[in-house]
Protein backbone atom coordinates (compact mmCIF):
# COMPACT_ATOMS: atom_id res chain seq x y z
CA MET A 1 8.44 13.99 -9.67
CA LEU A 2 4.81 13.00 -10.29
CA VAL A 3 2.67 11.53 -7.49
CA THR A 4 -0.85 10.11 -7.68
CA GLY A 5 -2.85 9.36 -4.56
CA ALA A 6 -1.28 12.47 -3.07
CA HIS A 7 -4.02 12.89 -0.44
CA GLY A 8 -3.73 9.35 0.90
CA LEU A 9 -1.86 8.07 3.94
CA ILE A 10 1.34 7.33 2.04
CA GLY A 11 1.16 10.25 -0.36
CA THR A 12 0.83 12.85 2.39
CA ALA A 13 3.93 11.44 4.10
CA LEU A 14 5.94 10.95 0.91
CA ILE A 15 5.51 14.37 -0.68
CA PRO A 16 7.13 16.39 2.15
CA ARG A 17 10.12 14.01 2.08
CA LEU A 18 10.49 14.42 -1.67
CA ARG A 19 10.34 18.20 -1.37
CA ALA A 20 12.82 18.17 1.50
CA ASP A 21 15.20 16.25 -0.76
CA GLY A 22 14.94 19.01 -3.36
CA HIS A 23 12.42 17.48 -5.77
CA ARG A 24 9.67 19.48 -7.41
CA VAL A 25 6.52 17.43 -6.85
CA VAL A 26 3.62 17.50 -9.29
CA ARG A 27 0.38 15.99 -8.01
CA LEU A 28 -2.01 14.23 -10.37
CA VAL A 29 -5.46 15.08 -8.98
CA ARG A 30 -9.04 14.24 -9.88
CA GLY A 31 -10.58 17.48 -8.69
CA ASP A 32 -9.80 21.08 -9.57
CA PRO A 33 -6.07 21.85 -9.31
CA GLU A 34 -5.17 23.71 -6.13
CA GLY A 35 -1.96 25.21 -7.47
CA SER A 36 0.51 25.33 -10.33
CA ASP A 37 1.97 21.95 -9.35
CA ASP A 38 -1.36 20.12 -9.70
CA VAL A 39 -2.31 18.39 -12.95
CA ARG A 40 -5.82 17.08 -13.59
CA TRP A 41 -6.82 13.62 -14.70
CA ASP A 42 -10.02 11.56 -14.78
CA PRO A 43 -9.27 7.83 -15.02
CA ALA A 44 -12.93 6.88 -15.41
CA ALA A 45 -13.27 9.19 -18.40
CA GLY A 46 -9.84 8.25 -19.73
CA THR A 47 -8.55 11.83 -19.71
CA ILE A 48 -5.26 13.24 -18.51
CA ASP A 49 -3.33 16.47 -19.12
CA ALA A 50 -0.32 14.91 -20.84
CA ALA A 51 1.30 18.28 -21.52
CA GLY A 52 1.30 18.98 -17.78
CA ILE A 53 3.52 15.97 -17.06
CA GLU A 54 5.87 16.24 -20.01
CA GLY A 55 9.47 16.10 -18.78
CA ILE A 56 8.67 14.47 -15.42
CA ASP A 57 11.65 12.29 -14.46
CA ALA A 58 9.93 9.84 -12.04
CA VAL A 59 6.41 8.75 -11.08
CA VAL A 60 5.00 7.26 -7.86
CA HIS A 61 1.49 5.95 -8.54
CA LEU A 62 -0.51 5.30 -5.37
CA ALA A 63 -4.12 5.99 -6.40
CA GLY A 64 -6.93 3.49 -5.87
CA ALA A 65 -10.21 3.10 -4.00
CA GLY A 66 -9.96 1.71 -0.46
CA ILE A 67 -10.25 -2.06 -0.49
CA GLY A 68 -11.40 -2.51 3.12
CA ASP A 69 -13.67 0.49 3.57
CA LYS A 70 -17.02 -0.95 2.53
CA LYS A 71 -18.80 -4.26 1.95
CA TRP A 72 -17.78 -5.97 -1.27
CA THR A 73 -20.95 -5.70 -3.29
CA PRO A 74 -20.54 -6.46 -7.00
CA ALA A 75 -20.53 -2.71 -7.69
CA ARG A 76 -17.92 -2.04 -5.01
CA LYS A 77 -15.67 -4.81 -6.28
CA GLN A 78 -15.88 -3.42 -9.79
CA LEU A 79 -14.97 0.05 -8.48
CA ILE A 80 -11.97 -1.35 -6.59
CA LEU A 81 -10.74 -3.12 -9.72
CA ASP A 82 -11.45 -0.25 -12.12
CA SER A 83 -9.90 2.41 -9.89
CA ARG A 84 -6.62 0.51 -10.10
CA THR A 85 -6.57 -0.90 -13.60
CA GLN A 86 -8.13 2.01 -15.49
CA GLY A 87 -5.99 4.62 -13.79
CA THR A 88 -2.81 2.59 -14.12
CA ASP A 89 -3.44 1.80 -17.77
CA LEU A 90 -4.22 5.45 -18.57
CA LEU A 91 -1.11 6.64 -16.75
CA ALA A 92 1.15 3.97 -18.29
CA ARG A 93 -0.07 4.68 -21.83
CA THR A 94 0.29 8.42 -21.32
CA LEU A 95 3.85 8.09 -19.97
CA ALA A 96 4.77 5.83 -22.87
CA GLY A 97 3.55 8.43 -25.34
CA LEU A 98 5.49 11.38 -23.93
CA THR A 99 8.32 12.93 -25.90
CA ARG A 100 10.45 12.97 -22.73
CA ARG A 101 9.49 9.87 -20.77
CA PRO A 102 10.25 9.41 -17.07
CA LYS A 103 13.01 7.00 -16.12
CA VAL A 104 10.97 5.13 -13.52
CA LEU A 105 7.39 4.33 -12.53
CA LEU A 106 6.79 2.99 -9.03
CA SER A 107 3.25 1.62 -9.16
CA GLY A 108 1.11 0.53 -6.24
CA SER A 109 0.21 -3.07 -5.53
CA ALA A 110 -0.31 -5.07 -2.34
CA VAL A 111 0.68 -8.25 -0.52
CA GLY A 112 -2.85 -9.40 -1.30
CA TYR A 113 -1.24 -10.49 -4.58
CA TYR A 114 -0.22 -13.73 -2.85
CA GLY A 115 -3.65 -14.70 -1.55
CA ASP A 116 -3.91 -16.98 1.48
CA GLN A 117 -0.86 -19.25 1.59
CA GLY A 118 -0.83 -19.96 5.30
CA ALA A 119 2.56 -19.88 7.04
CA GLN A 120 4.57 -20.21 3.82
CA VAL A 121 7.24 -17.52 3.49
CA LEU A 122 6.41 -15.46 0.40
CA VAL A 123 8.96 -13.56 -1.68
CA GLU A 124 8.62 -11.61 -4.89
CA GLU A 125 8.90 -14.75 -7.04
CA SER A 126 6.08 -16.55 -5.18
CA PRO A 127 2.96 -17.26 -7.26
CA PRO A 128 -0.22 -15.20 -6.97
CA GLY A 129 -3.30 -16.32 -5.12
CA ALA A 130 -6.78 -16.81 -6.55
CA ASP A 131 -9.09 -14.74 -4.32
CA PHE A 132 -10.47 -11.30 -5.16
CA PRO A 133 -7.58 -9.19 -3.78
CA ALA A 134 -5.08 -11.41 -5.60
CA ARG A 135 -6.93 -11.08 -8.90
CA VAL A 136 -7.06 -7.31 -8.46
CA CYS A 137 -3.32 -7.11 -7.79
CA VAL A 138 -2.47 -9.28 -10.80
CA ALA A 139 -4.56 -7.06 -13.10
CA TRP A 140 -3.23 -3.90 -11.42
CA GLU A 141 0.37 -4.87 -12.06
CA ALA A 142 -0.36 -5.99 -15.62
CA ALA A 143 -1.81 -2.54 -16.41
CA THR A 144 1.69 -1.00 -16.26
CA ALA A 145 2.74 -2.94 -19.39
CA PRO A 146 2.64 0.03 -21.81
CA ALA A 147 5.18 1.92 -19.68
CA GLU A 148 7.47 -1.07 -19.40
CA GLN A 149 7.26 -1.74 -23.13
CA ALA A 150 8.29 1.87 -23.73
CA GLY A 151 11.50 1.33 -21.77
CA ILE A 152 10.44 2.89 -18.47
CA ARG A 153 11.73 1.07 -15.38
CA VAL A 154 8.67 -0.23 -13.55
CA VAL A 155 8.57 -1.37 -9.91
CA HIS A 156 5.42 -2.86 -8.34
CA LEU A 157 5.09 -1.81 -4.70
CA ARG A 158 3.55 -4.86 -3.01
CA THR A 159 2.63 -3.09 0.19
CA GLY A 160 1.65 -4.68 3.48
CA ILE A 161 -0.31 -3.10 6.33
CA VAL A 162 1.14 0.39 6.74
CA LEU A 163 1.41 1.34 10.40
CA ALA A 164 0.48 4.92 11.24
CA ALA A 165 -1.57 6.11 14.20
CA HIS A 166 -3.30 8.87 12.22
CA GLY A 167 -4.62 6.75 9.36
CA GLY A 168 -4.99 3.35 7.77
CA ALA A 169 -5.70 0.03 9.47
CA LEU A 170 -3.86 0.79 12.72
CA HIS A 171 -5.85 3.99 13.21
CA ARG A 172 -9.08 2.00 13.01
CA MET A 173 -7.76 -0.51 15.54
CA LEU A 174 -6.66 2.00 18.15
CA LEU A 175 -10.00 2.95 19.71
CA PRO A 176 -11.17 -0.60 20.51
CA PHE A 177 -7.71 -1.54 21.75
CA ARG A 178 -7.50 1.55 23.95
CA LEU A 179 -10.90 0.61 25.38
CA GLY A 180 -9.57 -2.84 26.21
CA LEU A 181 -11.75 -4.47 23.55
CA GLY A 182 -9.00 -5.53 21.16
CA GLY A 183 -8.46 -9.24 20.62
CA ARG A 184 -7.19 -11.78 18.15
CA ILE A 185 -9.23 -12.51 15.04
CA GLY A 186 -10.17 -16.13 14.37
CA SER A 187 -7.40 -18.56 15.29
CA GLY A 188 -4.84 -15.75 15.43
CA ASP A 189 -2.43 -17.92 13.43
CA GLN A 190 -2.81 -15.92 10.20
CA TYR A 191 0.17 -13.73 9.36
CA LEU A 192 0.03 -9.97 9.09
CA SER A 193 2.79 -8.44 6.99
CA TRP A 194 3.28 -4.87 8.17
CA ILE A 195 5.57 -1.88 7.59
CA ALA A 196 5.96 1.38 9.50
CA LEU A 197 4.94 4.42 7.45
CA GLU A 198 8.45 5.84 7.89
CA ASP A 199 9.91 2.72 6.31
CA HIS A 200 7.41 2.68 3.48
CA VAL A 201 8.42 6.21 2.54
CA GLY A 202 12.08 5.31 2.99
CA ALA A 203 11.71 2.25 0.78
CA VAL A 204 10.03 4.29 -1.97
CA LEU A 205 12.91 6.78 -1.93
CA HIS A 206 15.38 3.87 -2.02
CA LEU A 207 13.64 2.27 -5.01
CA LEU A 208 13.49 5.57 -6.87
CA ALA A 209 17.26 5.92 -6.52
CA ASP A 210 18.33 2.32 -7.21
CA GLU A 211 18.18 1.94 -10.97
CA SER A 212 18.89 -1.81 -10.78
CA VAL A 213 15.49 -2.64 -9.24
CA HIS A 214 12.60 -3.53 -11.52
CA GLY A 215 9.56 -5.75 -11.20
CA ALA A 216 7.98 -6.60 -7.86
CA ALA A 217 9.26 -5.36 -4.50
CA ASN A 218 7.62 -6.35 -1.22
CA LEU A 219 7.21 -3.29 0.99
CA THR A 220 6.95 -5.08 4.31
CA ALA A 221 9.14 -5.25 7.39
CA PRO A 222 11.37 -8.34 7.63
CA ASN A 223 9.49 -9.72 10.66
CA PRO A 224 5.81 -10.38 9.90
CA ALA A 225 3.67 -11.25 12.91
CA THR A 226 0.75 -13.58 13.41
CA ASN A 227 -2.51 -11.90 14.26
CA ALA A 228 -2.16 -13.16 17.84
CA GLU A 229 1.37 -11.70 18.10
CA PHE A 230 0.23 -8.40 16.63
CA THR A 231 -2.70 -8.29 19.04
CA ARG A 232 -0.45 -8.83 22.06
CA ALA A 233 2.06 -6.23 20.84
CA LEU A 234 -0.59 -3.57 20.23
CA GLY A 235 -2.24 -4.29 23.56
CA ALA A 236 1.10 -3.87 25.31
CA ALA A 237 1.78 -0.65 23.39
CA VAL A 238 -1.47 0.93 24.62
CA HIS A 239 -1.28 -0.77 28.05
CA ARG A 240 -4.54 -2.65 27.73
CA PRO A 241 -5.48 -6.36 27.99
CA THR A 242 -6.24 -8.38 24.86
CA VAL A 243 -7.92 -11.42 26.39
CA LEU A 244 -11.18 -11.69 24.48
CA PRO A 245 -11.13 -12.65 20.79
CA THR A 246 -12.78 -10.29 18.32
CA PRO A 247 -16.21 -11.69 17.36
CA LEU A 248 -16.44 -12.30 13.64
CA LEU A 249 -20.22 -12.29 13.19
CA PRO A 250 -20.68 -8.52 13.76
CA LEU A 251 -17.79 -7.79 11.38
CA LYS A 252 -19.29 -10.04 8.72
CA ALA A 253 -22.68 -8.43 9.20
CA VAL A 254 -21.19 -5.02 8.40
CA TYR A 255 -18.50 -5.85 5.86
CA GLY A 256 -19.58 -9.23 4.47
CA GLY A 257 -17.95 -12.61 4.85
CA GLU A 258 -15.79 -12.39 1.72
CA LEU A 259 -14.05 -9.18 2.83
CA VAL A 260 -13.59 -10.34 6.43
CA ASP A 261 -12.16 -13.70 5.38
CA ALA A 262 -9.83 -12.25 2.75
CA LEU A 263 -8.51 -9.30 4.75
CA LEU A 264 -8.75 -10.44 8.37
CA VAL A 265 -9.04 -14.23 8.69
CA HIS A 266 -6.56 -15.03 5.93
CA GLY A 267 -3.05 -13.60 5.76
CA GLN A 268 0.33 -13.53 4.08
CA ARG A 269 3.78 -14.17 5.54
CA VAL A 270 5.75 -11.88 3.24
CA HIS A 271 9.50 -11.27 3.24
CA PRO A 272 11.07 -8.12 1.65
CA ARG A 273 13.79 -9.99 -0.23
CA VAL A 274 14.30 -7.34 -2.94
CA LEU A 275 14.65 -4.48 -0.46
CA GLU A 276 17.16 -6.44 1.61
CA GLN A 277 19.14 -7.58 -1.43
CA HIS A 278 19.39 -3.99 -2.59
CA GLY A 279 20.62 -2.62 0.70
CA TYR A 280 17.59 -0.97 2.28
CA GLU A 281 18.05 -0.65 6.05
CA PHE A 282 14.78 -0.65 7.98
CA ALA A 283 14.34 1.98 10.66
CA HIS A 284 11.77 -0.26 12.41
CA PRO A 285 12.31 -3.96 11.61
CA GLN A 286 10.70 -5.15 14.88
CA LEU A 287 6.98 -4.81 15.59
CA ASP A 288 7.23 -3.63 19.20
CA ASP A 289 9.60 -0.82 18.24
CA ALA A 290 7.51 0.13 15.21
CA LEU A 291 4.33 0.44 17.29
CA ARG A 292 6.07 2.55 19.92
CA ALA A 293 7.46 4.83 17.22
CA VAL A 294 4.20 5.38 15.33
CA LEU A 295 2.19 5.91 18.52
CA ALA A 296 4.72 8.50 19.68
CA ALA A 297 4.78 10.35 16.34
CA PRO A 298 3.38 13.92 16.36
CA ALA A 299 0.65 12.99 13.85
CA ALA A 300 -0.71 10.47 16.37
CA ALA A 301 -1.85 13.23 18.67
């Protein structure tokens, strides 16, 4: 089993589960290999140790620069796009050229694919949006084409907000909410499609095993919440009030209006139709339960 993005929030949770299930996990890393199960690649330079991944039976590709970490300058936007498309294209072409190709490639994507479509329920067949995150996701998914053309089963993991107290978006929210400073953003009517980290890992394992799934799969819980609903639920989970709305001007001053609008003011109401049709049972389908579970997890300490 080959995993990229092994040091990220999802990768660090997924790899122990894969190993516990008896899989040998090979990590594709940009820096110097730390052990015999690390293989080096450099997407920007277009280099990868193909011999090191010969005979791999499955690939989970999660690598990509953080989309909400810094202001979207032209250079940052280009890095976000290139880190997804260049790496995915290099990986897909390399897998296609192997003598013993893997059976499946699960490749990262995001619910940002759908853009801002208000309260409309979005499923895998829904059309893409037109904003920057949507354009990135469309190009990101298209970059897997060489693998698919070579007969490898490809699944695009259209991931929502992954809930974990020790990393990701929820981790950044916790301090202000615990200080009683958390509040809705904008109108609060925009939808936030979320998934507990435990369920994201579980869904990946499910999609690896189910050979009938190909194409897009929404990795979101079946009950998306509006921003106002999420705010109330998180406030209740940390036992703090959420009366005052979050001011947008300071956020836009730091991160820029385009990022804030696309990632915080706009939203997607996404339904995991493919996962449900293929029998995945969510451990945490309800937001209140999911927040309690992730806040109680050992890694949250």
